C-alpha atoms as a PDB file:
ATOM      1  CA  MET A   1      75.016 -81.140  37.012  1.00  0.00           C
ATOM      2  CA  SER A   2      78.271 -82.674  35.761  1.00  0.00           C
ATOM      3  CA  LYS A   3      80.452 -79.653  34.957  1.00  0.00           C
ATOM      4  CA  SER A   4      81.255 -76.563  36.985  1.00  0.00           C
ATOM      5  CA  ILE A   5      79.781 -73.232  35.931  1.00  0.00           C
ATOM      6  CA  ILE A   6      82.334 -70.678  34.762  1.00  0.00           C
ATOM      7  CA  PHE A   7      81.883 -67.411  36.628  1.00  0.00           C
ATOM      8  CA  TYR A   8      83.480 -64.231  35.281  1.00  0.00           C
ATOM      9  CA  ASP A   9      84.551 -61.611  37.815  1.00  0.00           C
ATOM     10  CA  PHE A  10      86.594 -58.398  37.808  1.00  0.00           C
ATOM     11  CA  ASP A  11      90.118 -58.919  39.088  1.00  0.00           C
ATOM     12  CA  GLY A  12      91.275 -56.725  41.947  1.00  0.00           C
ATOM     13  CA  VAL A  13      93.990 -56.145  44.528  1.00  0.00           C
ATOM     14  CA  ALA A  14      91.974 -54.870  47.508  1.00  0.00           C
ATOM     15  CA  THR A  15      91.984 -58.260  49.274  1.00  0.00           C
ATOM     16  CA  ALA A  16      93.620 -61.648  48.952  1.00  0.00           C
ATOM     17  CA  CYS A  17      90.374 -63.055  47.535  1.00  0.00           C
ATOM     18  CA  ARG A  18      90.636 -60.538  44.622  1.00  0.00           C
ATOM     19  CA  CYS A  19      86.881 -59.917  44.248  1.00  0.00           C
ATOM     20  CA  TRP A  20      85.556 -56.445  45.060  1.00  0.00           C
ATOM     21  CA  ASN A  21      82.803 -55.462  42.598  1.00  0.00           C
ATOM     22  CA  PRO A  22      79.246 -55.159  44.031  1.00  0.00           C
ATOM     23  CA  ASN A  23      77.470 -56.574  40.992  1.00  0.00           C
ATOM     24  CA  THR A  24      79.690 -59.624  40.745  1.00  0.00           C
ATOM     25  CA  TRP A  25      79.357 -60.166  44.491  1.00  0.00           C
ATOM     26  CA  LYS A  26      75.609 -60.519  43.945  1.00  0.00           C
ATOM     27  CA  ALA A  27      76.155 -63.384  41.518  1.00  0.00           C
ATOM     28  CA  ARG A  28      78.825 -64.951  43.722  1.00  0.00           C
ATOM     29  CA  TYR A  29      76.499 -64.906  46.726  1.00  0.00           C
ATOM     30  CA  VAL A  30      73.792 -66.521  44.571  1.00  0.00           C
ATOM     31  CA  LEU A  31      76.117 -69.334  43.477  1.00  0.00           C
ATOM     32  CA  ASN A  32      77.267 -69.925  47.043  1.00  0.00           C
ATOM     33  CA  ILE A  33      73.777 -69.826  48.546  1.00  0.00           C
ATOM     34  CA  LYS A  34      72.658 -72.484  46.071  1.00  0.00           C
ATOM     35  CA  GLY A  35      75.836 -74.493  46.659  1.00  0.00           C
ATOM     36  CA  LEU A  36      76.535 -74.886  42.946  1.00  0.00           C
ATOM     37  CA  PRO A  37      80.027 -75.862  41.761  1.00  0.00           C
ATOM     38  CA  TYR A  38      81.761 -73.071  39.863  1.00  0.00           C
ATOM     39  CA  THR A  39      85.195 -71.742  38.993  1.00  0.00           C
ATOM     40  CA  THR A  40      86.146 -68.088  38.668  1.00  0.00           C
ATOM     41  CA  THR A  41      87.761 -66.587  35.584  1.00  0.00           C
ATOM     42  CA  TRP A  42      89.302 -63.224  36.452  1.00  0.00           C
ATOM     43  CA  LEU A  43      89.118 -60.418  33.902  1.00  0.00           C
ATOM     44  CA  GLU A  44      90.438 -56.880  33.652  1.00  0.00           C
ATOM     45  CA  TYR A  45      88.056 -54.273  32.268  1.00  0.00           C
ATOM     46  CA  PRO A  46      89.459 -54.211  28.692  1.00  0.00           C
ATOM     47  CA  GLU A  47      89.115 -58.006  28.502  1.00  0.00           C
ATOM     48  CA  VAL A  48      85.413 -58.133  29.311  1.00  0.00           C
ATOM     49  CA  GLU A  49      83.881 -57.351  25.908  1.00  0.00           C
ATOM     50  CA  PRO A  50      86.016 -59.724  23.791  1.00  0.00           C
ATOM     51  CA  VAL A  51      85.613 -62.584  26.278  1.00  0.00           C
ATOM     52  CA  LEU A  52      81.835 -62.186  26.557  1.00  0.00           C
ATOM     53  CA  LYS A  53      81.480 -61.965  22.804  1.00  0.00           C
ATOM     54  CA  LYS A  54      83.473 -65.188  22.499  1.00  0.00           C
ATOM     55  CA  ILE A  55      81.020 -67.081  24.736  1.00  0.00           C
ATOM     56  CA  ASN A  56      78.045 -65.469  22.915  1.00  0.00           C
ATOM     57  CA  ALA A  57      76.736 -63.641  25.965  1.00  0.00           C
ATOM     58  CA  ILE A  58      73.937 -61.166  25.352  1.00  0.00           C
ATOM     59  CA  PRO A  59      75.052 -57.537  25.916  1.00  0.00           C
ATOM     60  CA  SER A  60      74.137 -56.137  29.312  1.00  0.00           C
ATOM     61  CA  ALA A  61      72.775 -52.828  27.972  1.00  0.00           C
ATOM     62  CA  LYS A  62      73.379 -50.091  25.430  1.00  0.00           C
ATOM     63  CA  LYS A  63      75.987 -47.349  25.702  1.00  0.00           C
ATOM     64  CA  ALA A  64      75.055 -43.693  25.206  1.00  0.00           C
ATOM     65  CA  ASP A  65      76.173 -43.928  21.560  1.00  0.00           C
ATOM     66  CA  GLY A  66      73.886 -46.899  20.940  1.00  0.00           C
ATOM     67  CA  SER A  67      76.608 -49.546  20.844  1.00  0.00           C
ATOM     68  CA  ASP A  68      76.440 -52.712  22.937  1.00  0.00           C
ATOM     69  CA  LEU A  69      77.694 -52.654  26.515  1.00  0.00           C
ATOM     70  CA  TYR A  70      79.265 -55.798  27.915  1.00  0.00           C
ATOM     71  CA  THR A  71      79.926 -55.977  31.619  1.00  0.00           C
ATOM     72  CA  LEU A  72      80.111 -58.401  34.528  1.00  0.00           C
ATOM     73  CA  PRO A  73      78.948 -60.513  36.244  1.00  0.00           C
ATOM     74  CA  ALA A  74      78.641 -63.223  33.646  1.00  0.00           C
ATOM     75  CA  ILE A  75      78.398 -66.989  33.695  1.00  0.00           C
ATOM     76  CA  TYR A  76      78.820 -69.733  31.151  1.00  0.00           C
ATOM     77  CA  ASP A  77      77.061 -72.999  31.973  1.00  0.00           C
ATOM     78  CA  PRO A  78      78.798 -75.818  30.057  1.00  0.00           C
ATOM     79  CA  ASN A  79      75.970 -78.191  30.977  1.00  0.00           C
ATOM     80  CA  THR A  80      73.418 -76.214  28.944  1.00  0.00           C
ATOM     81  CA  GLY A  81      75.508 -73.926  26.730  1.00  0.00           C
ATOM     82  CA  VAL A  82      73.856 -70.862  28.305  1.00  0.00           C
ATOM     83  CA  ALA A  83      75.873 -67.638  28.679  1.00  0.00           C
ATOM     84  CA  LEU A  84      74.332 -64.863  30.774  1.00  0.00           C
ATOM     85  CA  THR A  85      75.141 -61.417  32.117  1.00  0.00           C
ATOM     86  CA  ASP A  86      73.353 -59.384  34.817  1.00  0.00           C
ATOM     87  CA  SER A  87      73.162 -60.656  38.394  1.00  0.00           C
ATOM     88  CA  GLU A  88      69.354 -60.768  38.518  1.00  0.00           C
ATOM     89  CA  LYS A  89      69.102 -62.764  35.279  1.00  0.00           C
ATOM     90  CA  ILE A  90      71.803 -65.110  36.543  1.00  0.00           C
ATOM     91  CA  ALA A  91      69.911 -65.644  39.805  1.00  0.00           C
ATOM     92  CA  GLU A  92      66.661 -66.272  37.966  1.00  0.00           C
ATOM     93  CA  TYR A  93      68.299 -68.773  35.597  1.00  0.00           C
ATOM     94  CA  LEU A  94      70.085 -70.702  38.356  1.00  0.00           C
ATOM     95  CA  GLU A  95      66.963 -70.853  40.503  1.00  0.00           C
ATOM     96  CA  LYS A  96      64.931 -72.349  37.644  1.00  0.00           C
ATOM     97  CA  GLN A  97      67.632 -74.546  36.115  1.00  0.00           C
ATOM     98  CA  TYR A  98      68.978 -75.981  39.373  1.00  0.00           C
ATOM     99  CA  PRO A  99      66.217 -76.124  42.003  1.00  0.00           C
ATOM    100  CA  THR A 100      67.922 -76.793  45.305  1.00  0.00           C
ATOM    101  CA  PRO A 101      65.616 -77.944  48.117  1.00  0.00           C
ATOM    102  CA  GLY A 102      66.431 -76.444  51.475  1.00  0.00           C
ATOM    103  CA  THR A 103      68.070 -73.276  50.146  1.00  0.00           C
ATOM    104  CA  PRO A 104      66.468 -69.801  50.230  1.00  0.00           C
ATOM    105  CA  ALA A 105      64.340 -68.796  47.235  1.00  0.00           C
ATOM    106  CA  PHE A 106      65.595 -65.598  45.621  1.00  0.00           C
ATOM    107  CA  PHE A 107      62.206 -64.763  44.133  1.00  0.00           C
ATOM    108  CA  PRO A 108      59.390 -66.256  46.216  1.00  0.00           C
ATOM    109  CA  PRO A 109      56.061 -66.235  44.340  1.00  0.00           C
ATOM    110  CA  GLY A 110      54.411 -62.841  44.267  1.00  0.00           C
ATOM    111  CA  THR A 111      57.488 -60.882  45.410  1.00  0.00           C
ATOM    112  CA  ARG A 112      59.168 -59.785  42.174  1.00  0.00           C
ATOM    113  CA  ALA A 113      57.448 -56.400  41.933  1.00  0.00           C
ATOM    114  CA  LEU A 114      57.905 -55.644  45.635  1.00  0.00           C
ATOM    115  CA  GLN A 115      61.554 -56.649  45.538  1.00  0.00           C
ATOM    116  CA  GLN A 116      62.151 -54.451  42.501  1.00  0.00           C
ATOM    117  CA  GLY A 117      60.574 -51.465  44.225  1.00  0.00           C
ATOM    118  CA  PHE A 118      62.626 -52.106  47.349  1.00  0.00           C
ATOM    119  CA  ARG A 119      65.863 -52.398  45.349  1.00  0.00           C
ATOM    120  CA  ASP A 120      65.098 -49.212  43.425  1.00  0.00           C
ATOM    121  CA  ALA A 121      64.546 -47.367  46.700  1.00  0.00           C
ATOM    122  CA  PHE A 122      67.805 -48.738  48.095  1.00  0.00           C
ATOM    123  CA  ALA A 123      69.655 -47.664  44.931  1.00  0.00           C
ATOM    124  CA  ALA A 124      68.243 -44.151  45.077  1.00  0.00           C
ATOM    125  CA  ARG A 125      68.615 -43.588  48.819  1.00  0.00           C
ATOM    126  CA  VAL A 126      71.860 -45.441  49.529  1.00  0.00           C
ATOM    127  CA  ARG A 127      73.765 -47.046  46.672  1.00  0.00           C
ATOM    128  CA  GLY A 128      73.974 -43.904  44.533  1.00  0.00           C
ATOM    129  CA  ASN A 129      75.461 -41.967  47.427  1.00  0.00           C
ATOM    130  CA  VAL A 130      78.054 -44.559  48.405  1.00  0.00           C
ATOM    131  CA  LEU A 131      79.004 -44.921  44.737  1.00  0.00           C
ATOM    132  CA  LYS A 132      80.087 -41.271  44.683  1.00  0.00           C
ATOM    133  CA  LEU A 133      82.101 -41.846  47.856  1.00  0.00           C
ATOM    134  CA  SER A 134      83.764 -44.986  46.494  1.00  0.00           C
ATOM    135  CA  MET A 135      85.147 -43.859  43.139  1.00  0.00           C
ATOM    136  CA  GLN A 136      88.732 -43.254  44.227  1.00  0.00           C
ATOM    137  CA  PRO A 137      88.791 -46.265  46.592  1.00  0.00           C
ATOM    138  CA  ILE A 138      87.677 -48.403  43.633  1.00  0.00           C
ATOM    139  CA  VAL A 139      90.599 -47.119  41.552  1.00  0.00           C
ATOM    140  CA  ASP A 140      92.968 -48.158  44.325  1.00  0.00           C
ATOM    141  CA  SER A 141      91.413 -51.648  44.290  1.00  0.00           C
ATOM    142  CA  LEU A 142      91.915 -52.297  40.562  1.00  0.00           C
ATOM    143  CA  THR A 143      94.633 -54.253  38.828  1.00  0.00           C
ATOM    144  CA  PRO A 144      96.992 -52.093  36.722  1.00  0.00           C
ATOM    145  CA  GLY A 145      95.414 -53.250  33.469  1.00  0.00           C
ATOM    146  CA  SER A 146      92.021 -51.857  34.511  1.00  0.00           C
ATOM    147  CA  VAL A 147      92.931 -48.475  36.004  1.00  0.00           C
ATOM    148  CA  ASP A 148      93.149 -46.371  32.842  1.00  0.00           C
ATOM    149  CA  TYR A 149      89.960 -47.849  31.350  1.00  0.00           C
ATOM    150  CA  PHE A 150      87.974 -47.380  34.556  1.00  0.00           C
ATOM    151  CA  CYS A 151      89.156 -43.813  35.219  1.00  0.00           C
ATOM    152  CA  ARG A 152      88.591 -42.713  31.633  1.00  0.00           C
ATOM    153  CA  THR A 153      85.095 -44.185  31.235  1.00  0.00           C
ATOM    154  CA  ARG A 154      83.797 -43.282  34.701  1.00  0.00           C
ATOM    155  CA  ALA A 155      85.143 -39.734  34.605  1.00  0.00           C
ATOM    156  CA  ALA A 156      83.433 -39.228  31.252  1.00  0.00           C
ATOM    157  CA  ALA A 157      80.150 -40.612  32.590  1.00  0.00           C
ATOM    158  CA  LEU A 158      80.252 -38.553  35.797  1.00  0.00           C
ATOM    159  CA  GLY A 159      81.720 -35.397  34.286  1.00  0.00           C
ATOM    160  CA  SER A 160      84.538 -35.119  36.807  1.00  0.00           C
ATOM    161  CA  PRO A 161      87.936 -36.612  37.655  1.00  0.00           C
ATOM    162  CA  LEU A 162      87.194 -39.381  40.126  1.00  0.00           C
ATOM    163  CA  ASP A 163      89.384 -37.988  42.902  1.00  0.00           C
ATOM    164  CA  LYS A 164      87.453 -34.698  42.788  1.00  0.00           C
ATOM    165  CA  ILE A 165      83.926 -36.091  43.264  1.00  0.00           C
ATOM    166  CA  ALA A 166      83.906 -36.488  47.053  1.00  0.00           C
ATOM    167  CA  PRO A 167      87.411 -36.155  48.521  1.00  0.00           C
ATOM    168  CA  PRO A 168      87.635 -37.021  52.241  1.00  0.00           C
ATOM    169  CA  GLY A 169      87.083 -33.971  54.424  1.00  0.00           C
ATOM    170  CA  SER A 170      85.104 -32.117  51.773  1.00  0.00           C
ATOM    171  CA  GLU A 171      81.556 -30.835  52.128  1.00  0.00           C
ATOM    172  CA  ALA A 172      80.500 -33.120  49.274  1.00  0.00           C
ATOM    173  CA  HIS A 173      81.880 -36.151  51.144  1.00  0.00           C
ATOM    174  CA  ALA A 174      79.980 -35.218  54.314  1.00  0.00           C
ATOM    175  CA  ASN A 175      76.774 -34.652  52.355  1.00  0.00           C
ATOM    176  CA  PHE A 176      76.950 -38.020  50.595  1.00  0.00           C
ATOM    177  CA  VAL A 177      77.631 -39.815  53.891  1.00  0.00           C
ATOM    178  CA  LYS A 178      74.671 -38.095  55.548  1.00  0.00           C
ATOM    179  CA  ALA A 179      72.382 -38.890  52.617  1.00  0.00           C
ATOM    180  CA  ALA A 180      73.392 -42.574  52.681  1.00  0.00           C
ATOM    181  CA  LEU A 181      72.812 -42.856  56.434  1.00  0.00           C
ATOM    182  CA  ASP A 182      69.480 -41.045  56.216  1.00  0.00           C
ATOM    183  CA  GLY A 183      68.416 -43.448  53.474  1.00  0.00           C
ATOM    184  CA  LEU A 184      69.450 -46.455  55.528  1.00  0.00           C
ATOM    185  CA  ASN A 185      67.565 -45.152  58.544  1.00  0.00           C
ATOM    186  CA  MET A 186      64.376 -45.000  56.498  1.00  0.00           C
ATOM    187  CA  ILE A 187      64.951 -48.514  55.121  1.00  0.00           C
ATOM    188  CA  SER A 188      65.652 -49.808  58.634  1.00  0.00           C
ATOM    189  CA  LEU A 189      62.218 -48.524  59.672  1.00  0.00           C
ATOM    190  CA  TRP A 190      60.708 -50.608  56.872  1.00  0.00           C
ATOM    191  CA  TYR A 191      62.420 -53.710  58.302  1.00  0.00           C
ATOM    192  CA  GLU A 192      60.874 -52.928  61.671  1.00  0.00           C
ATOM    193  CA  LEU A 193      57.404 -53.278  60.140  1.00  0.00           C
ATOM    194  CA  ASN A 194      57.933 -57.021  59.704  1.00  0.00           C
ATOM    195  CA  GLU A 195      56.200 -59.178  62.277  1.00  0.00           C
ATOM    196  CA  THR A 196      58.981 -61.736  62.051  1.00  0.00           C
ATOM    197  CA  LYS A 197      61.682 -59.251  63.139  1.00  0.00           C
ATOM    198  CA  GLY A 198      64.185 -61.377  61.220  1.00  0.00           C
ATOM    199  CA  LEU A 199      67.575 -60.278  59.956  1.00  0.00           C
ATOM    200  CA  TYR A 200      66.384 -60.246  56.349  1.00  0.00           C
ATOM    201  CA  ILE A 201      63.658 -58.249  54.665  1.00  0.00           C
ATOM    202  CA  MET A 202      61.316 -61.265  54.553  1.00  0.00           C
ATOM    203  CA  GLY A 203      62.300 -62.783  57.864  1.00  0.00           C
ATOM    204  CA  ASP A 204      64.838 -65.516  58.542  1.00  0.00           C
ATOM    205  CA  LYS A 205      65.789 -66.333  54.925  1.00  0.00           C
ATOM    206  CA  PRO A 206      67.355 -63.956  52.399  1.00  0.00           C
ATOM    207  CA  CYS A 207      65.778 -63.094  49.061  1.00  0.00           C
ATOM    208  CA  PHE A 208      67.442 -61.366  46.124  1.00  0.00           C
ATOM    209  CA  ALA A 209      66.853 -57.910  47.650  1.00  0.00           C
ATOM    210  CA  ASP A 210      68.985 -58.965  50.627  1.00  0.00           C
ATOM    211  CA  VAL A 211      71.651 -60.231  48.228  1.00  0.00           C
ATOM    212  CA  ASP A 212      71.679 -56.791  46.590  1.00  0.00           C
ATOM    213  CA  ILE A 213      72.137 -54.999  49.915  1.00  0.00           C
ATOM    214  CA  ALA A 214      74.820 -57.370  51.219  1.00  0.00           C
ATOM    215  CA  ALA A 215      76.796 -57.160  47.968  1.00  0.00           C
ATOM    216  CA  THR A 216      76.708 -53.367  48.108  1.00  0.00           C
ATOM    217  CA  PHE A 217      77.953 -53.303  51.688  1.00  0.00           C
ATOM    218  CA  ASN A 218      80.650 -55.885  51.006  1.00  0.00           C
ATOM    219  CA  TRP A 219      81.937 -53.734  48.147  1.00  0.00           C
ATOM    220  CA  VAL A 220      81.987 -50.608  50.334  1.00  0.00           C
ATOM    221  CA  ARG A 221      83.763 -52.504  53.107  1.00  0.00           C
ATOM    222  CA  ILE A 222      86.365 -54.031  50.791  1.00  0.00           C
ATOM    223  CA  VAL A 223      87.348 -50.933  48.836  1.00  0.00           C
ATOM    224  CA  GLY A 224      87.285 -48.419  51.669  1.00  0.00           C
ATOM    225  CA  GLY A 225      86.552 -50.012  55.011  1.00  0.00           C
ATOM    226  CA  LYS A 226      90.086 -49.565  56.338  1.00  0.00           C
ATOM    227  CA  ARG A 227      90.206 -45.846  55.494  1.00  0.00           C
ATOM    228  CA  GLU A 228      89.645 -43.368  58.294  1.00  0.00           C
ATOM    229  CA  GLY A 229      86.308 -41.631  57.856  1.00  0.00           C
ATOM    230  CA  ASP A 230      85.078 -44.097  55.225  1.00  0.00           C
ATOM    231  CA  VAL A 231      81.334 -44.456  54.931  1.00  0.00           C
ATOM    232  CA  TRP A 232      81.453 -48.156  55.861  1.00  0.00           C
ATOM    233  CA  ASN A 233      82.664 -47.261  59.348  1.00  0.00           C
ATOM    234  CA  ALA A 234      79.444 -45.295  59.809  1.00  0.00           C
ATOM    235  CA  ILE A 235      77.154 -47.794  58.035  1.00  0.00           C
ATOM    236  CA  GLU A 236      78.406 -50.711  60.127  1.00  0.00           C
ATOM    237  CA  LYS A 237      77.262 -49.022  63.338  1.00  0.00           C
ATOM    238  CA  ALA A 238      74.092 -47.386  62.011  1.00  0.00           C
ATOM    239  CA  ASP A 239      70.578 -48.431  62.998  1.00  0.00           C
ATOM    240  CA  GLY A 240      71.656 -50.502  65.971  1.00  0.00           C
ATOM    241  CA  GLY A 241      74.302 -52.341  63.958  1.00  0.00           C
ATOM    242  CA  ARG A 242      71.695 -53.863  61.628  1.00  0.00           C
ATOM    243  CA  TRP A 243      73.802 -53.557  58.471  1.00  0.00           C
ATOM    244  CA  GLY A 244      77.001 -54.885  59.962  1.00  0.00           C
ATOM    245  CA  LYS A 245      75.098 -57.901  61.279  1.00  0.00           C
ATOM    246  CA  LEU A 246      73.482 -58.516  57.896  1.00  0.00           C
ATOM    247  CA  LEU A 247      76.825 -58.445  56.090  1.00  0.00           C
ATOM    248  CA  ASP A 248      78.442 -60.668  58.716  1.00  0.00           C
ATOM    249  CA  ALA A 249      75.643 -63.219  58.253  1.00  0.00           C
ATOM    250  CA  PHE A 250      76.226 -63.328  54.496  1.00  0.00           C
ATOM    251  CA  ASN A 251      79.994 -63.502  54.714  1.00  0.00           C
ATOM    252  CA  GLU A 252      80.044 -66.174  57.399  1.00  0.00           C
ATOM    253  CA  LYS A 253      77.996 -68.493  55.160  1.00  0.00           C
ATOM    254  CA  TRP A 254      78.292 -67.448  51.542  1.00  0.00           C
ATOM    255  CA  SER A 255      81.504 -65.538  50.790  1.00  0.00           C
ATOM    256  CA  ALA A 256      83.651 -68.421  49.522  1.00  0.00           C
ATOM    257  CA  VAL A 257      85.692 -67.737  46.384  1.00  0.00           C
ATOM    258  CA  HIS A 258      86.107 -70.722  44.052  1.00  0.00           C
END
């Protein structure tokens, strides 16, 4: 590998490191776990589509009106000419293109279906709830050039002004927090079924499902962790501190920003 991969991430102001988005954190963790050289190109929301079209990236999905949706994370590999979006596709590509002995495998043989089921359960039980709680904190984490775009598109998708979805102190806020913690408690019981009793779902080495969970928690911590009553303050202590320990393990080793 002679040239650094170009990694595209959403710019932000929540921390000095700028990165905040959960989906781009997945790809960043993947790059760092594999130890691959990369440089970050920071984009505001309105810049994403024209930039990804310029590098010939495949659209991430379709919008409700049938038009192409371009979003991050994305990479451009100058060594192969490959441009990719979607954190899972990026992980799969990097694992195959750059096998790195001694590093954790994101998709050990025979685990893809089980990992997908686990991630879907996590999304339904936890991520969807913390997303509702994080809308306004996300707005406060954005650069000025992204705020209007984000508020307009997300309010249209959710059918509500973002600051009205789960304001702190409201019944809706309390209900979403409880649902997220209940979901995590169930998932923690699944971890307890492992004979290895390791920090990660498969034992002592993380797979892509662990990357997904850590990226979600890092996002929640970054955008709202300093706010009184934020859901991260509860998640960090839940289930014997399991989730705070998992995030600390990731960030101690794999949170570098290049």
